[in-house]
Amino acid sequence: MILRITLLLMLSGAALCQINTNENKPGGLSKPLPFKEYSFLIMDNPHQLYSMRQYNKNYLNTLRLVVRRSSERLGSLRTNILQYIGGLFLAPLTHEEGHRSVLTHLGIGSISKPYFNEKGAAYVMGVRDSDLINLRNNDLPNYIRLHTAGIESDYMLLDRIQTDFVFNKEDKKHLFIEHLFRQSQLIGYYATSMLPSMEPDIDEEPNELQRDIVGHDVYGAIRHLHRPAMEFYRYTRYDNLTKDEKEFVSRVGYRSLVNLVDPFIFRMFNRSLNDLFKVSMGMGYTMVPFGDFIEQKFWITIHDKTRLKLYVREYQNKEDWFLAGGIALHDHSLSDRLYLNTALHVWNQPVVLSFTDAQSEMGGALNTILKYVISREEDGQSDILSLDLGLLVKSAGFLPEELYLGDVVHYRFGTTVWF
């Protein structure tokens, strides 16, 4: 709690200390978007620090702020060099935090060691075999997600970067290197899984508390999806996989290439239909607790005021397909001081998130954040801070970045600064 209060005070102080010229001031508070926006999630659910959504959001906005300030003071070249060096350490950090967040949510203690050890691997460790066996035997979807959560985190960071770019929340030059790391890490993890010569040659440590929780994310997830009752061990090698499992590895590797359909990379996926209507398109792919999904994403800007993101998603377990879709409204002005972010998700997923069952069940979620803006304007100064209150109402099912797989209603609290 002290950490949360301290963070809020620091962010509030930072906002109140910013000085902007009249040239950059919006016309009143009804249009804060000409400023750069930095949102931070102080409390999420579960209340243990940190949830996947909380870590991703705070990480990316902190990075944007640091890169922007560094560019102003040091110049673009020095900033790019520093960001590239930093990315070598930050990319595994957020990836391992994705794994760790699932364990924390499930009440299983762990230690994140995200920096490459002498074996060239980053670990989440400190978990006993008995805890992992119990999770596998009694809650297979969460056990599979324990394997895929790091890549899920990478995928959602990439999605956030695309959205910030398309909706002009950040300059492309400030996001370029981070996008490069996330895109390379996401596709590289899946695609290199098809090349057994590139798998790390690591044996399980004698001390179970010194072992990584899952070993190779992709191989481990696929083996346990197909054979959840087999003899337990953590580090799955390509040679341990059956013919069907190796075919699934190829499915994952080839499908991951659709992530290259990216509006951040290719201009042809960004279209202005006229002066008032802009559309960007992209595709995405990643694994989920019962298989994987492919999605088509559309970002729509109307009159430079209404910002919509829509997606159509196709889930697949072992053989069967299940449809999903959603729409999100970004930073919509309800009044001079009140802004709305809201998203509606609807899905059809296999019952109990089964890898083999063709039966499905409908589900959905409503995710809303209200931002109440506080502003001070004196002698040409304008500082903007909002207090953000979020609410999620969700039925049973998988939703990226949301740790609860069952029914849940929870709130969260954060703040946004514009300058």
Protein backbone atom coordinates (compact mmCIF):
# COMPACT_ATOMS: atom_id res chain seq x y z
CA MET A 1 0.00 0.00 0.00
CA ILE A 2 2.85 2.41 0.83
CA LEU A 3 4.37 1.66 -2.58
CA ARG A 4 1.08 2.43 -4.33
CA ILE A 5 0.59 5.71 -2.47
CA THR A 6 4.19 6.72 -3.15
CA LEU A 7 3.79 5.95 -6.86
CA LEU A 8 0.60 8.02 -7.02
CA LEU A 9 2.26 10.99 -5.29
CA MET A 10 5.27 10.80 -7.59
CA LEU A 11 3.11 10.70 -10.71
CA SER A 12 0.89 13.51 -9.42
CA GLY A 13 3.93 15.62 -8.64
CA ALA A 14 5.39 14.95 -12.06
CA ALA A 15 2.18 16.08 -13.72
CA LEU A 16 1.92 19.26 -11.64
CA CYS A 17 5.51 20.20 -12.39
CA GLN A 18 5.22 20.05 -16.18
CA ILE A 19 5.23 23.37 -18.07
CA ASN A 20 3.74 23.57 -21.56
CA THR A 21 3.57 26.55 -23.89
CA ASN A 22 0.36 28.19 -25.07
CA GLU A 23 1.16 26.79 -28.49
CA ASN A 24 0.63 23.24 -27.20
CA LYS A 25 -2.35 23.91 -24.98
CA PRO A 26 -5.62 22.26 -25.93
CA GLY A 27 -8.78 24.31 -26.18
CA GLY A 28 -9.99 23.67 -22.64
CA LEU A 29 -10.00 20.22 -21.13
CA SER A 30 -12.26 18.68 -23.71
CA LYS A 31 -9.29 17.77 -25.95
CA PRO A 32 -6.26 16.64 -23.93
CA LEU A 33 -5.08 14.35 -26.72
CA PRO A 34 -2.63 16.85 -28.36
CA PHE A 35 -0.52 16.15 -25.29
CA LYS A 36 1.24 12.83 -24.91
CA GLU A 37 -0.67 10.55 -22.57
CA TYR A 38 0.96 8.26 -19.99
CA SER A 39 -1.31 5.92 -18.03
CA PHE A 40 -0.29 3.92 -14.97
CA LEU A 41 -2.17 1.19 -13.15
CA ILE A 42 -1.63 1.48 -9.40
CA MET A 43 -3.95 -1.28 -8.25
CA ASP A 44 -5.26 -4.21 -10.26
CA ASN A 45 -6.93 -7.49 -9.37
CA PRO A 46 -5.54 -9.72 -7.98
CA HIS A 47 -4.17 -7.11 -5.58
CA GLN A 48 -0.75 -8.78 -5.37
CA LEU A 49 1.92 -6.94 -7.35
CA TYR A 50 2.04 -7.28 -10.28
CA SER A 51 -0.70 -8.52 -12.58
CA MET A 52 0.23 -9.10 -16.23
CA ARG A 53 -1.92 -6.16 -17.38
CA GLN A 54 -0.48 -3.91 -14.67
CA TYR A 55 3.13 -4.76 -15.45
CA ASN A 56 2.71 -4.40 -19.22
CA LYS A 57 0.87 -1.09 -19.01
CA ASN A 58 3.21 0.50 -16.47
CA TYR A 59 6.30 -0.80 -18.25
CA LEU A 60 5.35 0.52 -21.68
CA ASN A 61 4.24 3.95 -20.47
CA THR A 62 7.34 4.35 -18.32
CA LEU A 63 9.48 3.37 -21.30
CA ARG A 64 7.71 5.86 -23.56
CA LEU A 65 8.23 8.64 -21.04
CA VAL A 66 11.92 7.84 -20.50
CA VAL A 67 12.64 7.54 -24.24
CA ARG A 68 10.86 10.79 -25.01
CA ARG A 69 12.75 12.72 -22.30
CA SER A 70 16.04 11.10 -23.28
CA SER A 71 15.53 12.07 -26.93
CA GLU A 72 14.96 15.68 -25.91
CA ARG A 73 18.11 15.80 -23.77
CA LEU A 74 20.54 13.37 -25.42
CA GLY A 75 19.31 13.27 -29.00
CA SER A 76 17.89 10.40 -31.03
CA LEU A 77 21.15 8.54 -31.76
CA ARG A 78 22.30 8.23 -28.15
CA THR A 79 18.80 7.39 -27.03
CA ASN A 80 18.48 4.63 -29.63
CA ILE A 81 21.79 3.11 -28.55
CA LEU A 82 20.79 3.17 -24.89
CA GLN A 83 17.33 1.80 -25.68
CA TYR A 84 18.79 -1.05 -27.72
CA ILE A 85 21.18 -2.03 -24.93
CA GLY A 86 18.38 -1.72 -22.37
CA GLY A 87 16.07 -3.83 -24.50
CA LEU A 88 18.42 -6.80 -24.17
CA PHE A 89 17.61 -6.80 -20.45
CA LEU A 90 14.04 -5.49 -20.48
CA ALA A 91 12.62 -7.96 -23.03
CA PRO A 92 13.29 -11.06 -20.85
CA LEU A 93 12.19 -9.11 -17.77
CA THR A 94 8.62 -8.59 -18.97
CA HIS A 95 8.50 -12.09 -20.49
CA GLU A 96 9.38 -13.75 -17.18
CA GLU A 97 6.99 -11.46 -15.32
CA GLY A 98 4.22 -12.91 -17.47
CA HIS A 99 5.03 -16.38 -16.12
CA ARG A 100 5.43 -15.09 -12.57
CA SER A 101 2.09 -13.25 -12.61
CA VAL A 102 0.20 -16.52 -13.21
CA LEU A 103 1.91 -18.16 -10.23
CA THR A 104 1.21 -15.16 -8.00
CA HIS A 105 -2.45 -15.19 -9.02
CA LEU A 106 -2.65 -18.90 -8.13
CA GLY A 107 -1.03 -18.33 -4.73
CA ILE A 108 2.22 -20.13 -5.62
CA GLY A 109 5.37 -18.35 -4.49
CA SER A 110 8.21 -17.99 -6.99
CA ILE A 111 11.37 -16.04 -7.76
CA SER A 112 11.89 -14.29 -11.08
CA LYS A 113 15.48 -14.32 -12.38
CA PRO A 114 14.94 -12.61 -15.74
CA TYR A 115 18.56 -11.98 -16.67
CA PHE A 116 20.34 -14.66 -18.65
CA ASN A 117 22.38 -17.03 -16.52
CA GLU A 118 25.50 -18.97 -17.49
CA LYS A 119 23.27 -21.31 -19.54
CA GLY A 120 21.90 -18.42 -21.57
CA ALA A 121 18.41 -18.75 -20.10
CA ALA A 122 16.11 -16.61 -17.95
CA TYR A 123 14.24 -18.41 -15.17
CA VAL A 124 11.25 -18.24 -12.90
CA MET A 125 12.25 -20.58 -10.10
CA GLY A 126 11.65 -21.48 -6.45
CA VAL A 127 8.65 -23.76 -7.13
CA ARG A 128 8.43 -27.39 -6.01
CA ASP A 129 7.50 -30.23 -8.36
CA SER A 130 4.59 -31.16 -6.09
CA ASP A 131 2.97 -27.73 -6.62
CA LEU A 132 3.31 -28.01 -10.39
CA ILE A 133 2.01 -31.59 -10.46
CA ASN A 134 -0.99 -30.57 -8.36
CA LEU A 135 -1.70 -27.68 -10.73
CA ARG A 136 -1.41 -29.90 -13.82
CA ASN A 137 -3.66 -32.60 -12.39
CA ASN A 138 -6.37 -30.26 -11.08
CA ASP A 139 -6.27 -27.14 -13.26
CA LEU A 140 -4.81 -27.98 -16.66
CA PRO A 141 -5.77 -24.69 -18.42
CA ASN A 142 -3.84 -22.64 -15.87
CA TYR A 143 -0.93 -25.09 -16.06
CA ILE A 144 -0.79 -24.68 -19.84
CA ARG A 145 -1.05 -20.92 -19.42
CA LEU A 146 1.91 -21.06 -17.06
CA HIS A 147 3.92 -22.13 -20.12
CA THR A 148 2.45 -19.61 -22.58
CA ALA A 149 2.05 -16.56 -20.30
CA GLY A 150 5.45 -15.11 -21.17
CA ILE A 151 4.67 -15.13 -24.89
CA GLU A 152 1.14 -13.87 -24.13
CA SER A 153 2.73 -10.90 -22.36
CA ASP A 154 5.01 -10.25 -25.35
CA TYR A 155 2.01 -10.42 -27.68
CA MET A 156 -0.03 -7.93 -25.66
CA LEU A 157 2.88 -5.51 -25.41
CA LEU A 158 3.17 -5.64 -29.20
CA ASP A 159 -0.57 -4.99 -29.48
CA ARG A 160 -0.29 -1.99 -27.14
CA ILE A 161 2.58 -0.57 -29.21
CA GLN A 162 0.54 -0.90 -32.40
CA THR A 163 -2.43 0.86 -30.80
CA ASP A 164 -0.30 3.72 -29.43
CA PHE A 165 1.22 4.21 -32.88
CA VAL A 166 -2.01 4.05 -34.88
CA PHE A 167 -3.88 6.40 -32.53
CA ASN A 168 -0.92 8.84 -32.43
CA LYS A 169 -0.36 8.42 -28.73
CA GLU A 170 3.36 8.16 -29.35
CA ASP A 171 5.83 8.99 -32.12
CA LYS A 172 6.94 5.99 -34.13
CA LYS A 173 10.62 6.77 -33.57
CA HIS A 174 10.15 6.37 -29.82
CA LEU A 175 8.50 2.96 -30.21
CA PHE A 176 10.59 1.55 -33.04
CA ILE A 177 13.23 -0.33 -31.04
CA GLU A 178 10.76 -1.70 -28.51
CA HIS A 179 8.55 -2.88 -31.37
CA LEU A 180 11.57 -4.53 -32.98
CA PHE A 181 12.38 -6.46 -29.81
CA ARG A 182 8.79 -7.58 -29.20
CA GLN A 183 8.10 -8.59 -32.78
CA SER A 184 11.39 -10.49 -33.05
CA GLN A 185 10.89 -12.19 -29.70
CA LEU A 186 7.31 -13.23 -30.45
CA ILE A 187 7.91 -14.66 -33.92
CA GLY A 188 11.36 -15.94 -33.06
CA TYR A 189 10.16 -18.01 -30.11
CA TYR A 190 7.51 -19.77 -32.18
CA ALA A 191 9.41 -20.07 -35.47
CA THR A 192 12.66 -21.36 -33.99
CA SER A 193 10.68 -24.06 -32.19
CA MET A 194 10.55 -25.80 -35.58
CA LEU A 195 14.36 -25.98 -35.59
CA PRO A 196 15.50 -28.49 -32.96
CA SER A 197 19.12 -27.53 -33.62
CA MET A 198 18.35 -24.17 -31.98
CA GLU A 199 16.80 -25.50 -28.79
CA PRO A 200 18.80 -24.78 -25.62
CA ASP A 201 20.81 -27.74 -24.35
CA ILE A 202 19.88 -27.51 -20.67
CA ASP A 203 19.42 -30.39 -18.24
CA GLU A 204 17.21 -30.14 -15.18
CA GLU A 205 19.08 -28.92 -12.12
CA PRO A 206 19.40 -31.46 -9.26
CA ASN A 207 17.72 -29.02 -6.85
CA GLU A 208 14.07 -28.61 -7.87
CA LEU A 209 13.98 -25.08 -6.44
CA GLN A 210 16.75 -24.05 -8.85
CA ARG A 211 14.86 -25.25 -11.94
CA ASP A 212 12.88 -23.07 -14.28
CA ILE A 213 9.16 -23.69 -13.79
CA VAL A 214 8.48 -24.99 -17.32
CA GLY A 215 11.63 -25.11 -19.45
CA HIS A 216 10.91 -24.57 -23.16
CA ASP A 217 7.57 -22.72 -23.21
CA VAL A 218 6.32 -24.03 -26.56
CA TYR A 219 7.45 -27.65 -26.28
CA GLY A 220 6.20 -27.95 -22.70
CA ALA A 221 2.78 -26.50 -23.48
CA ILE A 222 2.29 -28.72 -26.53
CA ARG A 223 3.41 -31.90 -24.75
CA HIS A 224 1.04 -31.33 -21.82
CA LEU A 225 -1.86 -30.38 -24.10
CA HIS A 226 -1.55 -33.73 -25.87
CA ARG A 227 -0.48 -35.90 -22.91
CA PRO A 228 -1.51 -34.26 -19.64
CA ALA A 229 -1.26 -37.49 -17.63
CA MET A 230 2.21 -38.60 -18.70
CA GLU A 231 5.21 -38.84 -16.39
CA PHE A 232 6.04 -35.41 -14.98
CA TYR A 233 9.23 -33.55 -15.81
CA ARG A 234 9.79 -29.89 -16.58
CA TYR A 235 12.31 -29.56 -19.41
CA THR A 236 10.76 -30.88 -22.61
CA ARG A 237 13.07 -31.47 -25.57
CA TYR A 238 12.03 -31.67 -29.21
CA ASP A 239 12.99 -35.35 -29.25
CA ASN A 240 10.53 -35.95 -26.38
CA LEU A 241 7.61 -34.98 -28.62
CA THR A 242 5.43 -37.42 -30.54
CA LYS A 243 4.73 -37.12 -34.27
CA ASP A 244 1.42 -35.30 -33.61
CA GLU A 245 3.10 -32.94 -31.19
CA LYS A 246 5.85 -32.10 -33.66
CA GLU A 247 3.18 -31.34 -36.26
CA PHE A 248 1.58 -28.98 -33.75
CA VAL A 249 4.97 -27.27 -33.30
CA SER A 250 5.02 -26.67 -37.07
CA ARG A 251 1.46 -25.32 -36.92
CA VAL A 252 2.52 -22.86 -34.23
CA GLY A 253 5.70 -21.83 -36.05
CA TYR A 254 4.11 -21.14 -39.43
CA ARG A 255 1.05 -19.40 -38.02
CA SER A 256 3.22 -17.02 -36.00
CA LEU A 257 4.30 -15.39 -39.27
CA VAL A 258 0.90 -13.68 -39.56
CA ASN A 259 2.20 -11.29 -36.88
CA LEU A 260 4.14 -9.65 -39.72
CA VAL A 261 0.84 -8.23 -41.03
CA ASP A 262 1.54 -5.17 -38.92
CA PRO A 263 0.53 -1.52 -39.51
CA PHE A 264 3.64 -0.43 -37.62
CA ILE A 265 5.87 -2.02 -40.28
CA PHE A 266 3.96 -1.60 -43.55
CA ARG A 267 2.32 1.64 -44.66
CA MET A 268 -0.06 -0.23 -46.94
CA PHE A 269 -1.98 -1.37 -43.85
CA ASN A 270 -2.73 2.27 -42.93
CA ARG A 271 -5.38 3.92 -45.09
CA SER A 272 -7.04 7.34 -45.08
CA LEU A 273 -10.38 6.86 -46.80
CA ASN A 274 -10.91 10.62 -46.66
CA ASP A 275 -9.83 13.55 -44.48
CA LEU A 276 -12.08 12.39 -41.66
CA PHE A 277 -11.88 8.60 -41.72
CA LYS A 278 -8.73 6.51 -41.23
CA VAL A 279 -8.37 2.73 -41.00
CA SER A 280 -5.38 0.58 -40.07
CA MET A 281 -5.31 -3.21 -40.32
CA GLY A 282 -3.21 -5.95 -38.80
CA MET A 283 -3.17 -9.61 -37.82
CA GLY A 284 -1.94 -11.47 -34.78
CA TYR A 285 -1.22 -14.95 -33.50
CA THR A 286 -0.32 -16.57 -30.20
CA MET A 287 -1.00 -19.66 -28.09
CA VAL A 288 -3.74 -19.89 -25.44
CA PRO A 289 -4.51 -22.38 -22.63
CA PHE A 290 -6.45 -24.69 -24.98
CA GLY A 291 -4.61 -24.22 -28.27
CA ASP A 292 -4.03 -21.00 -30.21
CA PHE A 293 -5.74 -18.16 -32.07
CA ILE A 294 -5.44 -16.02 -35.17
CA GLU A 295 -7.02 -12.58 -35.18
CA GLN A 296 -7.71 -9.74 -37.58
CA LYS A 297 -7.46 -6.26 -36.06
CA PHE A 298 -8.87 -2.95 -37.27
CA TRP A 299 -8.13 0.49 -35.84
CA ILE A 300 -10.57 3.19 -36.94
CA THR A 301 -10.23 6.94 -36.38
CA ILE A 302 -13.18 9.24 -37.14
CA HIS A 303 -12.79 13.04 -37.15
CA ASP A 304 -9.57 12.60 -35.11
CA LYS A 305 -11.84 12.26 -32.09
CA THR A 306 -13.47 8.84 -32.09
CA ARG A 307 -10.96 6.01 -31.85
CA LEU A 308 -12.21 2.45 -32.23
CA LYS A 309 -10.39 -0.86 -32.24
CA LEU A 310 -12.22 -3.94 -33.53
CA TYR A 311 -11.05 -7.52 -33.82
CA VAL A 312 -12.29 -10.85 -35.12
CA ARG A 313 -10.57 -13.84 -33.55
CA GLU A 314 -10.52 -17.52 -34.49
CA TYR A 315 -9.57 -19.87 -31.67
CA GLN A 316 -8.60 -23.48 -32.37
CA ASN A 317 -8.01 -26.32 -29.97
CA LYS A 318 -6.71 -29.62 -31.34
CA GLU A 319 -9.10 -29.76 -34.31
CA ASP A 320 -12.12 -27.45 -33.85
CA TRP A 321 -12.55 -23.73 -34.47
CA PHE A 322 -14.33 -21.20 -32.22
CA LEU A 323 -15.14 -17.57 -33.10
CA ALA A 324 -14.71 -14.45 -31.00
CA GLY A 325 -14.78 -10.70 -31.49
CA GLY A 326 -14.63 -7.39 -29.73
CA ILE A 327 -14.78 -3.62 -30.00
CA ALA A 328 -13.02 -0.99 -27.89
CA LEU A 329 -13.53 2.77 -27.62
CA HIS A 330 -10.42 4.76 -26.69
CA ASP A 331 -10.35 8.10 -24.84
CA HIS A 332 -13.85 9.27 -25.70
CA SER A 333 -14.80 12.63 -24.19
CA LEU A 334 -18.00 12.58 -22.14
CA SER A 335 -17.45 16.08 -20.75
CA ASP A 336 -14.64 18.55 -20.13
CA ARG A 337 -13.36 16.42 -17.27
CA LEU A 338 -14.62 12.91 -17.94
CA TYR A 339 -13.17 10.45 -20.45
CA LEU A 340 -14.23 6.92 -21.25
CA ASN A 341 -12.31 3.84 -22.35
CA THR A 342 -14.52 0.80 -22.77
CA ALA A 343 -14.26 -2.57 -24.48
CA LEU A 344 -16.78 -5.33 -25.15
CA HIS A 345 -15.54 -8.88 -25.79
CA VAL A 346 -17.68 -11.82 -26.92
CA TRP A 347 -16.33 -15.32 -27.46
CA ASN A 348 -17.16 -18.91 -28.19
CA GLN A 349 -14.61 -21.21 -26.53
CA PRO A 350 -14.43 -24.97 -25.83
CA VAL A 351 -16.13 -26.12 -22.64
CA VAL A 352 -13.79 -25.98 -19.63
CA LEU A 353 -11.14 -24.71 -22.07
CA SER A 354 -10.62 -28.24 -23.35
CA PHE A 355 -7.98 -29.06 -25.95
CA THR A 356 -9.97 -31.98 -27.37
CA ASP A 357 -13.68 -31.20 -26.87
CA ALA A 358 -15.72 -29.91 -29.83
CA GLN A 359 -18.50 -28.59 -27.58
CA SER A 360 -18.41 -24.87 -26.91
CA GLU A 361 -19.87 -22.25 -24.62
CA MET A 362 -20.45 -18.54 -25.07
CA GLY A 363 -18.83 -15.95 -22.86
CA GLY A 364 -17.89 -12.33 -22.75
CA ALA A 365 -16.51 -9.39 -20.83
CA LEU A 366 -17.13 -5.68 -20.39
CA ASN A 367 -14.02 -3.71 -19.49
CA THR A 368 -14.44 -0.01 -18.69
CA ILE A 369 -12.20 2.77 -17.39
CA LEU A 370 -13.42 6.26 -16.49
CA LYS A 371 -10.84 9.05 -16.28
CA TYR A 372 -11.68 12.13 -14.22
CA VAL A 373 -9.39 14.97 -15.30
CA ILE A 374 -7.85 17.46 -12.88
CA SER A 375 -6.21 20.53 -14.45
CA ARG A 376 -4.42 23.71 -13.44
CA GLU A 377 -4.05 26.64 -15.80
CA GLU A 378 -2.08 29.68 -14.66
CA ASP A 379 -0.12 32.21 -16.70
CA GLY A 380 0.25 30.04 -19.75
CA GLN A 381 0.82 26.83 -17.81
CA SER A 382 -1.34 23.77 -18.28
CA ASP A 383 -0.91 20.53 -16.36
CA ILE A 384 -3.30 17.64 -16.70
CA LEU A 385 -3.77 14.69 -14.40
CA SER A 386 -6.61 12.20 -14.23
CA LEU A 387 -7.72 9.70 -11.65
CA ASP A 388 -8.76 6.46 -13.37
CA LEU A 389 -11.26 3.92 -12.07
CA GLY A 390 -11.76 0.67 -13.96
CA LEU A 391 -14.31 -2.13 -13.76
CA LEU A 392 -14.22 -5.57 -15.40
CA VAL A 393 -17.23 -7.88 -15.57
CA LYS A 394 -16.27 -11.20 -17.14
CA SER A 395 -17.77 -14.66 -17.57
CA ALA A 396 -15.75 -17.88 -17.57
CA GLY A 397 -13.24 -18.05 -20.39
CA PHE A 398 -9.83 -16.87 -21.55
CA LEU A 399 -9.13 -13.18 -22.17
CA PRO A 400 -5.55 -12.07 -22.92
CA GLU A 401 -3.83 -10.30 -19.99
CA GLU A 402 -6.73 -11.13 -17.63
CA LEU A 403 -5.48 -13.66 -15.07
CA TYR A 404 -8.89 -14.99 -14.00
CA LEU A 405 -10.15 -17.81 -16.22
CA GLY A 406 -13.45 -18.06 -14.33
CA ASP A 407 -16.29 -15.63 -13.68
CA VAL A 408 -15.05 -12.42 -12.11
CA VAL A 409 -16.08 -8.87 -11.28
CA HIS A 410 -13.25 -6.62 -10.15
CA TYR A 411 -12.13 -3.01 -10.08
CA ARG A 412 -8.79 -1.31 -10.58
CA PHE A 413 -7.37 2.12 -9.94
CA GLY A 414 -4.76 4.20 -11.71
CA THR A 415 -3.79 7.61 -12.99
CA THR A 416 -2.99 9.29 -16.31
CA VAL A 417 -0.78 12.30 -16.94
CA TRP A 418 -0.72 14.47 -20.08
CA PHE A 419 2.12 16.83 -20.95
